[in-house]
C-alpha atoms as a PDB file:
ATOM      1  CA  UNK A   1    -130.351  63.471-100.761  1.00  0.00           C
ATOM      2  CA  UNK A   2    -127.635  65.167-102.912  1.00  0.00           C
ATOM      3  CA  UNK A   3    -128.135  64.819-106.285  1.00  0.00           C
ATOM      4  CA  UNK A   4    -125.356  62.727-108.182  1.00  0.00           C
ATOM      5  CA  UNK A   5    -122.688  65.053-109.949  1.00  0.00           C
ATOM      6  CA  UNK A   6    -122.490  65.211-113.441  1.00  0.00           C
ATOM      7  CA  UNK A   7    -119.120  64.247-113.388  1.00  0.00           C
ATOM      8  CA  UNK A   8    -119.709  61.266-111.517  1.00  0.00           C
ATOM      9  CA  UNK A   9    -122.347  60.055-114.197  1.00  0.00           C
ATOM     10  CA  UNK A  10    -119.699  60.788-116.860  1.00  0.00           C
ATOM     11  CA  UNK A  11    -117.103  58.746-114.938  1.00  0.00           C
ATOM     12  CA  UNK A  12    -119.436  55.868-114.380  1.00  0.00           C
ATOM     13  CA  UNK A  13    -120.663  55.964-118.082  1.00  0.00           C
ATOM     14  CA  UNK A  14    -117.050  56.050-119.389  1.00  0.00           C
ATOM     15  CA  UNK A  15    -116.031  53.114-117.044  1.00  0.00           C
ATOM     16  CA  UNK A  16    -119.206  51.025-118.369  1.00  0.00           C
ATOM     17  CA  UNK A  17    -118.170  51.579-121.947  1.00  0.00           C
ATOM     18  CA  UNK A  18    -114.586  50.537-121.217  1.00  0.00           C
ATOM     19  CA  UNK A  19    -115.413  47.467-119.427  1.00  0.00           C
ATOM     20  CA  UNK A  20    -118.030  46.375-121.997  1.00  0.00           C
ATOM     21  CA  UNK A  21    -115.606  46.794-124.841  1.00  0.00           C
ATOM     22  CA  UNK A  22    -112.873  44.794-122.870  1.00  0.00           C
ATOM     23  CA  UNK A  23    -114.998  41.818-122.237  1.00  0.00           C
ATOM     24  CA  UNK A  24    -117.248  41.851-125.223  1.00  0.00           C
ATOM     25  CA  UNK A  25    -116.847  38.936-127.771  1.00  0.00           C
ATOM     26  CA  UNK A  26    -114.393  40.973-129.769  1.00  0.00           C
ATOM     27  CA  UNK A  27    -111.816  40.318-126.906  1.00  0.00           C
ATOM     28  CA  UNK A  28    -111.693  36.756-127.733  1.00  0.00           C
ATOM     29  CA  UNK A  29    -113.835  35.486-124.752  1.00  0.00           C
ATOM     30  CA  UNK A  30    -116.188  33.485-126.854  1.00  0.00           C
ATOM     31  CA  UNK A  31    -117.121  30.509-124.692  1.00  0.00           C
ATOM     32  CA  UNK A  32    -116.607  27.815-127.345  1.00  0.00           C
ATOM     33  CA  UNK A  33    -113.429  29.125-128.540  1.00  0.00           C
ATOM     34  CA  UNK A  34    -111.846  29.521-125.302  1.00  0.00           C
ATOM     35  CA  UNK A  35    -112.931  26.208-124.414  1.00  0.00           C
ATOM     36  CA  UNK A  36    -111.183  24.822-127.391  1.00  0.00           C
ATOM     37  CA  UNK A  37    -107.931  26.781-126.683  1.00  0.00           C
ATOM     38  CA  UNK A  38    -108.031  25.394-123.177  1.00  0.00           C
ATOM     39  CA  UNK A  39    -108.333  21.929-124.440  1.00  0.00           C
ATOM     40  CA  UNK A  40    -105.406  22.392-126.777  1.00  0.00           C
ATOM     41  CA  UNK A  41    -103.044  24.465-124.536  1.00  0.00           C
ATOM     42  CA  UNK A  42    -103.644  23.108-121.011  1.00  0.00           C
ATOM     43  CA  UNK A  43    -104.274  19.587-119.738  1.00  0.00           C
ATOM     44  CA  UNK A  44    -107.891  19.644-120.707  1.00  0.00           C
ATOM     45  CA  UNK A  45    -111.146  19.969-118.922  1.00  0.00           C
ATOM     46  CA  UNK A  46    -111.972  16.948-116.744  1.00  0.00           C
ATOM     47  CA  UNK A  47    -115.429  15.685-115.938  1.00  0.00           C
ATOM     48  CA  UNK A  48    -116.196  15.141-112.307  1.00  0.00           C
ATOM     49  CA  UNK A  49    -118.724  12.662-110.573  1.00  0.00           C
ATOM     50  CA  UNK A  50    -120.484  13.156-107.417  1.00  0.00           C
ATOM     51  CA  UNK A  51    -119.500  10.508-105.024  1.00  0.00           C
ATOM     52  CA  UNK A  52    -122.529   8.211-103.768  1.00  0.00           C
ATOM     53  CA  UNK A  53    -122.901   7.493 -99.937  1.00  0.00           C
ATOM     54  CA  UNK A  54    -121.154   4.164-100.360  1.00  0.00           C
ATOM     55  CA  UNK A  55    -118.240   5.400-102.562  1.00  0.00           C
ATOM     56  CA  UNK A  56    -118.027   8.406 -99.782  1.00  0.00           C
ATOM     57  CA  UNK A  57    -117.881   5.836 -96.844  1.00  0.00           C
ATOM     58  CA  UNK A  58    -115.271   3.678 -98.695  1.00  0.00           C
ATOM     59  CA  UNK A  59    -113.088   6.365 -99.533  1.00  0.00           C
ATOM     60  CA  UNK A  60    -113.016   8.085 -96.001  1.00  0.00           C
ATOM     61  CA  UNK A  61    -112.760   4.644 -94.479  1.00  0.00           C
ATOM     62  CA  UNK A  62    -115.259   5.996 -91.782  1.00  0.00           C
ATOM     63  CA  UNK A  63    -112.649   8.979 -91.005  1.00  0.00           C
ATOM     64  CA  UNK A  64    -114.093  12.457 -90.599  1.00  0.00           C
ATOM     65  CA  UNK A  65    -113.864  15.392 -92.848  1.00  0.00           C
ATOM     66  CA  UNK A  66    -112.838  18.665 -91.174  1.00  0.00           C
ATOM     67  CA  UNK A  67    -113.648  22.288 -92.224  1.00  0.00           C
ATOM     68  CA  UNK A  68    -111.222  24.940 -90.756  1.00  0.00           C
ATOM     69  CA  UNK A  69    -112.058  28.755 -90.834  1.00  0.00           C
ATOM     70  CA  UNK A  70    -111.235  31.990 -88.741  1.00  0.00           C
ATOM     71  CA  UNK A  71    -112.794  35.468 -87.961  1.00  0.00           C
ATOM     72  CA  UNK A  72    -111.911  38.836 -86.681  1.00  0.00           C
ATOM     73  CA  UNK A  73    -114.187  41.410 -85.095  1.00  0.00           C
ATOM     74  CA  UNK A  74    -112.876  44.745 -84.421  1.00  0.00           C
ATOM     75  CA  UNK A  75    -113.828  47.330 -81.597  1.00  0.00           C
ATOM     76  CA  UNK A  76    -112.362  50.850 -82.759  1.00  0.00           C
ATOM     77  CA  UNK A  77    -110.885  51.736 -85.900  1.00  0.00           C
ATOM     78  CA  UNK A  78    -107.675  53.925 -85.970  1.00  0.00           C
ATOM     79  CA  UNK A  79    -104.225  52.637 -84.931  1.00  0.00           C
ATOM     80  CA  UNK A  80    -103.574  52.268 -82.101  1.00  0.00           C
ATOM     81  CA  UNK A  81    -107.033  52.838 -80.541  1.00  0.00           C
ATOM     82  CA  UNK A  82    -108.836  49.490 -81.522  1.00  0.00           C
ATOM     83  CA  UNK A  83    -108.959  45.757 -80.150  1.00  0.00           C
ATOM     84  CA  UNK A  84    -109.427  42.789 -82.101  1.00  0.00           C
ATOM     85  CA  UNK A  85    -110.828  39.265 -81.165  1.00  0.00           C
ATOM     86  CA  UNK A  86    -109.610  36.481 -83.287  1.00  0.00           C
ATOM     87  CA  UNK A  87    -111.135  33.067 -83.547  1.00  0.00           C
ATOM     88  CA  UNK A  88    -110.572  29.853 -85.525  1.00  0.00           C
ATOM     89  CA  UNK A  89    -112.836  26.784 -85.614  1.00  0.00           C
ATOM     90  CA  UNK A  90    -112.332  23.179 -86.693  1.00  0.00           C
ATOM     91  CA  UNK A  91    -115.562  21.365 -87.201  1.00  0.00           C
ATOM     92  CA  UNK A  92    -115.684  17.740 -88.066  1.00  0.00           C
ATOM     93  CA  UNK A  93    -118.801  15.918 -89.117  1.00  0.00           C
ATOM     94  CA  UNK A  94    -119.006  13.601 -85.927  1.00  0.00           C
ATOM     95  CA  UNK A  95    -116.875  15.270 -83.249  1.00  0.00           C
ATOM     96  CA  UNK A  96    -116.949  18.108 -80.792  1.00  0.00           C
ATOM     97  CA  UNK A  97    -115.570  21.352 -82.059  1.00  0.00           C
ATOM     98  CA  UNK A  98    -112.089  22.727 -81.521  1.00  0.00           C
ATOM     99  CA  UNK A  99    -111.982  26.488 -81.075  1.00  0.00           C
ATOM    100  CA  UNK A 100    -108.921  28.854 -80.442  1.00  0.00           C
ATOM    101  CA  UNK A 101    -109.032  32.465 -79.535  1.00  0.00           C
ATOM    102  CA  UNK A 102    -106.777  35.520 -79.173  1.00  0.00           C
ATOM    103  CA  UNK A 103    -106.925  39.186 -78.431  1.00  0.00           C
ATOM    104  CA  UNK A 104    -104.877  41.946 -80.170  1.00  0.00           C
ATOM    105  CA  UNK A 105    -104.709  45.212 -79.174  1.00  0.00           C
ATOM    106  CA  UNK A 106    -102.024  47.791 -79.841  1.00  0.00           C
ATOM    107  CA  UNK A 107    -102.538  49.580 -76.316  1.00  0.00           C
ATOM    108  CA  UNK A 108    -102.042  46.336 -74.643  1.00  0.00           C
ATOM    109  CA  UNK A 109     -98.245  45.580 -73.414  1.00  0.00           C
ATOM    110  CA  UNK A 110     -98.081  42.051 -75.211  1.00  0.00           C
ATOM    111  CA  UNK A 111     -99.118  43.218 -78.395  1.00  0.00           C
ATOM    112  CA  UNK A 112     -96.644  46.253 -78.251  1.00  0.00           C
ATOM    113  CA  UNK A 113     -93.987  44.080 -77.642  1.00  0.00           C
ATOM    114  CA  UNK A 114     -94.968  41.880 -80.898  1.00  0.00           C
ATOM    115  CA  UNK A 115     -95.034  45.187 -82.812  1.00  0.00           C
ATOM    116  CA  UNK A 116     -91.699  46.440 -81.629  1.00  0.00           C
ATOM    117  CA  UNK A 117     -90.231  43.065 -82.277  1.00  0.00           C
ATOM    118  CA  UNK A 118     -91.600  42.576 -85.615  1.00  0.00           C
ATOM    119  CA  UNK A 119     -90.367  46.194 -86.785  1.00  0.00           C
ATOM    120  CA  UNK A 120     -86.762  45.205 -85.235  1.00  0.00           C
ATOM    121  CA  UNK A 121     -86.811  41.853 -87.101  1.00  0.00           C
ATOM    122  CA  UNK A 122     -87.780  43.767 -90.363  1.00  0.00           C
ATOM    123  CA  UNK A 123     -85.012  46.310 -89.747  1.00  0.00           C
ATOM    124  CA  UNK A 124     -82.389  43.398 -89.507  1.00  0.00           C
ATOM    125  CA  UNK A 125     -83.478  42.222 -92.758  1.00  0.00           C
ATOM    126  CA  UNK A 126     -82.955  45.649 -94.112  1.00  0.00           C
ATOM    127  CA  UNK A 127     -86.593  46.645 -94.287  1.00  0.00           C
ATOM    128  CA  UNK A 128     -86.431  50.368 -92.870  1.00  0.00           C
ATOM    129  CA  UNK A 129     -89.211  52.614 -92.568  1.00  0.00           C
ATOM    130  CA  UNK A 130     -91.923  50.041 -91.221  1.00  0.00           C
ATOM    131  CA  UNK A 131     -94.517  51.912 -89.439  1.00  0.00           C
ATOM    132  CA  UNK A 132     -96.369  50.521 -86.323  1.00  0.00           C
ATOM    133  CA  UNK A 133     -99.605  50.622 -87.808  1.00  0.00           C
ATOM    134  CA  UNK A 134     -98.299  48.628 -90.874  1.00  0.00           C
ATOM    135  CA  UNK A 135     -96.613  45.928 -88.252  1.00  0.00           C
ATOM    136  CA  UNK A 136     -99.717  45.625 -86.250  1.00  0.00           C
ATOM    137  CA  UNK A 137    -101.808  44.920 -89.368  1.00  0.00           C
ATOM    138  CA  UNK A 138     -99.276  42.121 -90.521  1.00  0.00           C
ATOM    139  CA  UNK A 139     -99.127  40.845 -86.922  1.00  0.00           C
ATOM    140  CA  UNK A 140    -102.952  40.206 -86.791  1.00  0.00           C
ATOM    141  CA  UNK A 141    -103.206  38.656 -90.247  1.00  0.00           C
ATOM    142  CA  UNK A 142    -100.349  36.234 -89.232  1.00  0.00           C
ATOM    143  CA  UNK A 143    -102.072  35.758 -85.748  1.00  0.00           C
ATOM    144  CA  UNK A 144    -105.288  34.522 -87.567  1.00  0.00           C
ATOM    145  CA  UNK A 145    -103.440  32.237 -89.813  1.00  0.00           C
ATOM    146  CA  UNK A 146    -101.575  30.615 -86.961  1.00  0.00           C
ATOM    147  CA  UNK A 147    -105.197  30.167 -85.097  1.00  0.00           C
ATOM    148  CA  UNK A 148    -106.455  28.224 -88.061  1.00  0.00           C
ATOM    149  CA  UNK A 149    -103.468  26.093 -88.552  1.00  0.00           C
ATOM    150  CA  UNK A 150    -103.262  25.278 -84.711  1.00  0.00           C
ATOM    151  CA  UNK A 151    -106.868  24.108 -84.740  1.00  0.00           C
ATOM    152  CA  UNK A 152    -106.369  22.022 -88.028  1.00  0.00           C
ATOM    153  CA  UNK A 153    -103.125  20.458 -86.122  1.00  0.00           C
ATOM    154  CA  UNK A 154    -105.208  19.691 -83.085  1.00  0.00           C
ATOM    155  CA  UNK A 155    -107.843  18.123 -85.214  1.00  0.00           C
ATOM    156  CA  UNK A 156    -105.319  15.778 -86.780  1.00  0.00           C
ATOM    157  CA  UNK A 157    -104.106  14.779 -83.161  1.00  0.00           C
ATOM    158  CA  UNK A 158    -107.268  14.293 -81.994  1.00  0.00           C
ATOM    159  CA  UNK A 159    -109.581  12.936 -84.877  1.00  0.00           C
ATOM    160  CA  UNK A 160    -107.242  11.531 -87.507  1.00  0.00           C
ATOM    161  CA  UNK A 161    -109.307  13.180 -90.265  1.00  0.00           C
ATOM    162  CA  UNK A 162    -109.403  11.784 -93.797  1.00  0.00           C
ATOM    163  CA  UNK A 163    -109.229  15.412 -95.293  1.00  0.00           C
ATOM    164  CA  UNK A 164    -109.012  18.908 -93.870  1.00  0.00           C
ATOM    165  CA  UNK A 165    -110.816  21.756 -95.869  1.00  0.00           C
ATOM    166  CA  UNK A 166    -109.279  25.218 -95.109  1.00  0.00           C
ATOM    167  CA  UNK A 167    -110.879  28.208 -96.390  1.00  0.00           C
ATOM    168  CA  UNK A 168    -108.615  30.071 -98.897  1.00  0.00           C
ATOM    169  CA  UNK A 169    -105.668  29.442-100.743  1.00  0.00           C
ATOM    170  CA  UNK A 170    -102.872  27.243 -98.975  1.00  0.00           C
ATOM    171  CA  UNK A 171    -100.258  29.581-100.096  1.00  0.00           C
ATOM    172  CA  UNK A 172    -101.551  32.350 -97.786  1.00  0.00           C
ATOM    173  CA  UNK A 173    -100.596  30.157 -94.741  1.00  0.00           C
ATOM    174  CA  UNK A 174     -97.067  29.728 -96.295  1.00  0.00           C
ATOM    175  CA  UNK A 175     -96.684  33.299 -96.647  1.00  0.00           C
ATOM    176  CA  UNK A 176     -98.424  34.561 -93.262  1.00  0.00           C
ATOM    177  CA  UNK A 177     -97.298  31.913 -90.794  1.00  0.00           C
ATOM    178  CA  UNK A 178     -94.589  29.714 -92.436  1.00  0.00           C
ATOM    179  CA  UNK A 179     -93.524  27.741 -89.308  1.00  0.00           C
ATOM    180  CA  UNK A 180     -96.792  26.706 -88.180  1.00  0.00           C
ATOM    181  CA  UNK A 181     -97.480  25.933 -92.012  1.00  0.00           C
ATOM    182  CA  UNK A 182     -94.717  23.677 -92.184  1.00  0.00           C
ATOM    183  CA  UNK A 183     -95.704  21.753 -89.260  1.00  0.00           C
ATOM    184  CA  UNK A 184     -98.958  21.203 -90.490  1.00  0.00           C
ATOM    185  CA  UNK A 185     -97.770  20.199 -94.120  1.00  0.00           C
ATOM    186  CA  UNK A 186     -95.189  17.713 -92.739  1.00  0.00           C
ATOM    187  CA  UNK A 187     -97.706  16.312 -90.226  1.00  0.00           C
ATOM    188  CA  UNK A 188    -100.537  15.986 -92.620  1.00  0.00           C
ATOM    189  CA  UNK A 189     -97.999  14.017 -95.263  1.00  0.00           C
ATOM    190  CA  UNK A 190     -96.355  11.705 -92.704  1.00  0.00           C
ATOM    191  CA  UNK A 191    -100.064  10.703 -91.214  1.00  0.00           C
ATOM    192  CA  UNK A 192    -101.688  10.519 -94.890  1.00  0.00           C
ATOM    193  CA  UNK A 193    -104.198  13.156 -94.026  1.00  0.00           C
ATOM    194  CA  UNK A 194    -105.288  15.227 -96.983  1.00  0.00           C
ATOM    195  CA  UNK A 195    -105.382  19.011 -97.213  1.00  0.00           C
ATOM    196  CA  UNK A 196    -107.277  21.126 -99.582  1.00  0.00           C
ATOM    197  CA  UNK A 197    -107.808  25.072 -99.643  1.00  0.00           C
ATOM    198  CA  UNK A 198    -111.004  26.077-101.049  1.00  0.00           C
ATOM    199  CA  UNK A 199    -110.729  29.354-103.016  1.00  0.00           C
ATOM    200  CA  UNK A 200    -113.853  31.624-103.312  1.00  0.00           C
ATOM    201  CA  UNK A 201    -112.109  34.603-104.642  1.00  0.00           C
ATOM    202  CA  UNK A 202    -109.621  33.749-107.179  1.00  0.00           C
ATOM    203  CA  UNK A 203    -106.982  36.446-107.838  1.00  0.00           C
ATOM    204  CA  UNK A 204    -104.555  34.542-110.419  1.00  0.00           C
ATOM    205  CA  UNK A 205    -103.719  35.249-114.170  1.00  0.00           C
ATOM    206  CA  UNK A 206    -102.666  31.982-115.375  1.00  0.00           C
ATOM    207  CA  UNK A 207    -105.001  30.704-117.889  1.00  0.00           C
ATOM    208  CA  UNK A 208    -104.702  33.489-120.333  1.00  0.00           C
ATOM    209  CA  UNK A 209    -101.182  33.331-120.309  1.00  0.00           C
ATOM    210  CA  UNK A 210    -101.054  29.690-121.155  1.00  0.00           C
ATOM    211  CA  UNK A 211    -103.722  29.665-123.872  1.00  0.00           C
ATOM    212  CA  UNK A 212    -103.228  33.024-125.744  1.00  0.00           C
ATOM    213  CA  UNK A 213    -101.065  35.980-125.243  1.00  0.00           C
ATOM    214  CA  UNK A 214    -103.842  38.291-126.136  1.00  0.00           C
ATOM    215  CA  UNK A 215    -105.836  37.016-123.001  1.00  0.00           C
ATOM    216  CA  UNK A 216    -102.786  37.605-120.637  1.00  0.00           C
ATOM    217  CA  UNK A 217    -104.342  40.624-118.937  1.00  0.00           C
ATOM    218  CA  UNK A 218    -107.426  38.964-118.048  1.00  0.00           C
ATOM    219  CA  UNK A 219    -107.944  37.202-114.516  1.00  0.00           C
ATOM    220  CA  UNK A 220    -108.627  33.798-114.311  1.00  0.00           C
ATOM    221  CA  UNK A 221    -112.074  34.373-112.806  1.00  0.00           C
ATOM    222  CA  UNK A 222    -112.922  36.449-115.723  1.00  0.00           C
ATOM    223  CA  UNK A 223    -111.751  33.925-118.431  1.00  0.00           C
ATOM    224  CA  UNK A 224    -113.448  31.109-116.909  1.00  0.00           C
ATOM    225  CA  UNK A 225    -116.698  32.692-116.111  1.00  0.00           C
ATOM    226  CA  UNK A 226    -119.377  30.497-117.807  1.00  0.00           C
ATOM    227  CA  UNK A 227    -116.739  28.457-119.507  1.00  0.00           C
ATOM    228  CA  UNK A 228    -116.676  25.401-117.580  1.00  0.00           C
ATOM    229  CA  UNK A 229    -120.125  23.501-117.139  1.00  0.00           C
ATOM    230  CA  UNK A 230    -121.120  22.160-113.612  1.00  0.00           C
ATOM    231  CA  UNK A 231    -118.861  19.470-112.389  1.00  0.00           C
ATOM    232  CA  UNK A 232    -116.222  20.226-114.666  1.00  0.00           C
ATOM    233  CA  UNK A 233    -112.428  20.656-113.586  1.00  0.00           C
ATOM    234  CA  UNK A 234    -109.398  22.590-115.098  1.00  0.00           C
ATOM    235  CA  UNK A 235    -105.932  21.627-113.675  1.00  0.00           C
ATOM    236  CA  UNK A 236    -102.886  24.006-113.753  1.00  0.00           C
ATOM    237  CA  UNK A 237     -99.266  24.017-112.867  1.00  0.00           C
ATOM    238  CA  UNK A 238     -98.292  27.079-110.871  1.00  0.00           C
ATOM    239  CA  UNK A 239     -94.832  25.911-109.827  1.00  0.00           C
ATOM    240  CA  UNK A 240     -95.124  26.809-106.161  1.00  0.00           C
ATOM    241  CA  UNK A 241     -95.207  23.299-104.393  1.00  0.00           C
ATOM    242  CA  UNK A 242     -98.738  23.220-104.812  1.00  0.00           C
ATOM    243  CA  UNK A 243    -101.311  21.682-107.585  1.00  0.00           C
ATOM    244  CA  UNK A 244    -103.863  24.244-108.151  1.00  0.00           C
ATOM    245  CA  UNK A 245    -107.280  23.428-110.124  1.00  0.00           C
ATOM    246  CA  UNK A 246    -110.456  25.426-110.951  1.00  0.00           C
ATOM    247  CA  UNK A 247    -113.768  23.779-110.958  1.00  0.00           C
ATOM    248  CA  UNK A 248    -117.525  24.726-111.214  1.00  0.00           C
ATOM    249  CA  UNK A 249    -119.650  22.854-108.584  1.00  0.00           C
ATOM    250  CA  UNK A 250    -122.934  24.524-108.782  1.00  0.00           C
ATOM    251  CA  UNK A 251    -125.241  26.369-111.264  1.00  0.00           C
ATOM    252  CA  UNK A 252    -123.395  29.816-110.459  1.00  0.00           C
ATOM    253  CA  UNK A 253    -121.221  30.384-113.610  1.00  0.00           C
ATOM    254  CA  UNK A 254    -118.193  31.370-111.286  1.00  0.00           C
ATOM    255  CA  UNK A 255    -115.574  28.909-110.738  1.00  0.00           C
ATOM    256  CA  UNK A 256    -113.672  28.231-107.461  1.00  0.00           C
ATOM    257  CA  UNK A 257    -110.208  27.271-106.945  1.00  0.00           C
ATOM    258  CA  UNK A 258    -108.571  24.393-104.932  1.00  0.00           C
ATOM    259  CA  UNK A 259    -105.098  24.238-103.670  1.00  0.00           C
ATOM    260  CA  UNK A 260    -103.502  20.847-102.868  1.00  0.00           C
ATOM    261  CA  UNK A 261    -100.066  19.641-101.849  1.00  0.00           C
ATOM    262  CA  UNK A 262     -97.924  18.310-104.674  1.00  0.00           C
ATOM    263  CA  UNK A 263     -97.318  15.305-102.395  1.00  0.00           C
ATOM    264  CA  UNK A 264    -101.036  14.425-102.478  1.00  0.00           C
ATOM    265  CA  UNK A 265    -102.053  15.134-105.984  1.00  0.00           C
ATOM    266  CA  UNK A 266    -102.631  11.245-106.610  1.00  0.00           C
ATOM    267  CA  UNK A 267    -105.884  12.123-104.462  1.00  0.00           C
ATOM    268  CA  UNK A 268    -106.752  15.093-106.614  1.00  0.00           C
ATOM    269  CA  UNK A 269    -109.705  13.911-108.313  1.00  0.00           C
ATOM    270  CA  UNK A 270    -111.330  12.336-105.311  1.00  0.00           C
ATOM    271  CA  UNK A 271    -110.737  15.569-103.497  1.00  0.00           C
ATOM    272  CA  UNK A 272    -112.372  17.633-106.314  1.00  0.00           C
ATOM    273  CA  UNK A 273    -115.448  14.849-106.306  1.00  0.00           C
ATOM    274  CA  UNK A 274    -115.839  15.429-102.752  1.00  0.00           C
ATOM    275  CA  UNK A 275    -115.923  19.149-102.908  1.00  0.00           C
ATOM    276  CA  UNK A 276    -118.439  18.728-105.705  1.00  0.00           C
ATOM    277  CA  UNK A 277    -120.391  16.333-103.725  1.00  0.00           C
ATOM    278  CA  UNK A 278    -120.806  18.548-100.592  1.00  0.00           C
ATOM    279  CA  UNK A 279    -121.712  21.594-102.716  1.00  0.00           C
ATOM    280  CA  UNK A 280    -125.543  22.419-103.224  1.00  0.00           C
ATOM    281  CA  UNK A 281    -126.436  22.749-106.938  1.00  0.00           C
ATOM    282  CA  UNK A 282    -128.172  26.118-106.480  1.00  0.00           C
ATOM    283  CA  UNK A 283    -125.499  27.528-104.115  1.00  0.00           C
ATOM    284  CA  UNK A 284    -122.546  29.892-104.841  1.00  0.00           C
ATOM    285  CA  UNK A 285    -120.159  27.111-105.271  1.00  0.00           C
ATOM    286  CA  UNK A 286    -118.828  26.413-101.940  1.00  0.00           C
ATOM    287  CA  UNK A 287    -118.969  23.362-100.150  1.00  0.00           C
ATOM    288  CA  UNK A 288    -121.819  23.492 -97.424  1.00  0.00           C
ATOM    289  CA  UNK A 289    -119.611  22.273 -94.745  1.00  0.00           C
ATOM    290  CA  UNK A 290    -117.265  25.275 -95.048  1.00  0.00           C
ATOM    291  CA  UNK A 291    -120.236  27.437 -95.023  1.00  0.00           C
ATOM    292  CA  UNK A 292    -121.418  26.129 -91.721  1.00  0.00           C
ATOM    293  CA  UNK A 293    -117.906  26.462 -90.206  1.00  0.00           C
ATOM    294  CA  UNK A 294    -117.775  30.056 -91.596  1.00  0.00           C
ATOM    295  CA  UNK A 295    -121.210  30.870 -89.998  1.00  0.00           C
ATOM    296  CA  UNK A 296    -120.276  29.357 -86.455  1.00  0.00           C
ATOM    297  CA  UNK A 297    -116.543  30.765 -86.200  1.00  0.00           C
ATOM    298  CA  UNK A 298    -117.896  34.392 -86.947  1.00  0.00           C
ATOM    299  CA  UNK A 299    -117.835  36.642 -83.612  1.00  0.00           C
ATOM    300  CA  UNK A 300    -121.043  38.680 -84.347  1.00  0.00           C
ATOM    301  CA  UNK A 301    -121.280  42.392 -83.567  1.00  0.00           C
ATOM    302  CA  UNK A 302    -123.852  41.486 -80.933  1.00  0.00           C
ATOM    303  CA  UNK A 303    -121.483  39.016 -79.403  1.00  0.00           C
ATOM    304  CA  UNK A 304    -118.579  41.462 -79.803  1.00  0.00           C
ATOM    305  CA  UNK A 305    -120.700  44.038 -77.852  1.00  0.00           C
ATOM    306  CA  UNK A 306    -121.679  41.870 -75.198  1.00  0.00           C
ATOM    307  CA  UNK A 307    -118.283  40.695 -74.649  1.00  0.00           C
ATOM    308  CA  UNK A 308    -116.924  44.239 -74.335  1.00  0.00           C
ATOM    309  CA  UNK A 309    -119.657  45.341 -71.865  1.00  0.00           C
ATOM    310  CA  UNK A 310    -119.049  42.591 -69.793  1.00  0.00           C
ATOM    311  CA  UNK A 311    -115.272  42.613 -69.512  1.00  0.00           C
ATOM    312  CA  UNK A 312    -114.267  46.068 -70.349  1.00  0.00           C
ATOM    313  CA  UNK A 313    -114.738  49.151 -68.233  1.00  0.00           C
ATOM    314  CA  UNK A 314    -117.334  51.442 -69.859  1.00  0.00           C
ATOM    315  CA  UNK A 315    -115.204  54.479 -69.484  1.00  0.00           C
ATOM    316  CA  UNK A 316    -112.166  52.808 -71.233  1.00  0.00           C
ATOM    317  CA  UNK A 317    -114.446  52.013 -73.869  1.00  0.00           C
ATOM    318  CA  UNK A 318    -115.332  55.340 -74.533  1.00  0.00           C
ATOM    319  CA  UNK A 319    -112.135  56.947 -73.919  1.00  0.00           C
ATOM    320  CA  UNK A 320    -109.864  54.476 -76.057  1.00  0.00           C
ATOM    321  CA  UNK A 321    -112.163  52.789 -78.686  1.00  0.00           C
ATOM    322  CA  UNK A 322    -115.295  54.906 -79.386  1.00  0.00           C
ATOM    323  CA  UNK A 323    -115.477  56.338 -82.698  1.00  0.00           C
ATOM    324  CA  UNK A 324    -116.844  60.070 -83.252  1.00  0.00           C
ATOM    325  CA  UNK A 325    -118.195  58.766 -86.600  1.00  0.00           C
ATOM    326  CA  UNK A 326    -120.837  56.442 -84.545  1.00  0.00           C
ATOM    327  CA  UNK A 327    -121.991  59.513 -82.641  1.00  0.00           C
ATOM    328  CA  UNK A 328    -123.279  61.385 -85.866  1.00  0.00           C
ATOM    329  CA  UNK A 329    -126.874  62.459 -85.813  1.00  0.00           C
ATOM    330  CA  UNK A 330    -128.501  62.153 -89.223  1.00  0.00           C
END
């Protein structure tokens, strides 16, 4: 094993010192002081209650709860020599799963046409210089979002659920699959089906801007780490047609986020209390039903290998998708 260079050790030491200084108590991140500022400047911290079995049944009116998630597995690495299998799953608490899948490969004619069309559309909007590699990546991301929205729409049609939990922020669906997102949103509102996006990795910077200018540079996940107690929720207004809240649902000091539609905010506390109820105390803070969906929707490496070996000619696999890196001998 190579010895770590002196420069790398120095860089790590300097980075550690800088981050320690930034996140020390001197930076204004004292828990009690921050809680006081939040209560003063924002709408306050709300205490949630877990739903009893009877209250849960009464609220859902015997309608199912649905979790939706998607996954991607990839053979090959560099454009255009890769093949992606995309899959989305809607899983209810009482019905048979709904699954949608799609293949995306820049070497296949249908994917080539999509890439060329994407570039042409961008050029017509004045966005020149778009590479095929960039276009392919954007199409893959949009396709996965569309698959997730499609299974959610099918779940509404077939099951009439009380609530659909989607993995991640709802804003990403509006960005990545605007037309399909509008369809889901309008359908859910008209049929009184609640939508909630459960955000595990929070990337916003809103709390600091509202409570103290000196904290504006900090991300919300940094500021709220350990500040909320288990079962507490903080609401925010992001002015983007969505209502966003942060809550701590387990012993893990890190908060999660929830996105809901403005039109459904009268049900905000019920939705937050449902998420709280479905989250194990000793977990990382995500409702267990979404973890189940995440586990089941994943196309494992073993499954991917089996599918490729069964349906793709071995000579094509070696010629088009094999990586030299995988052939290294250690």
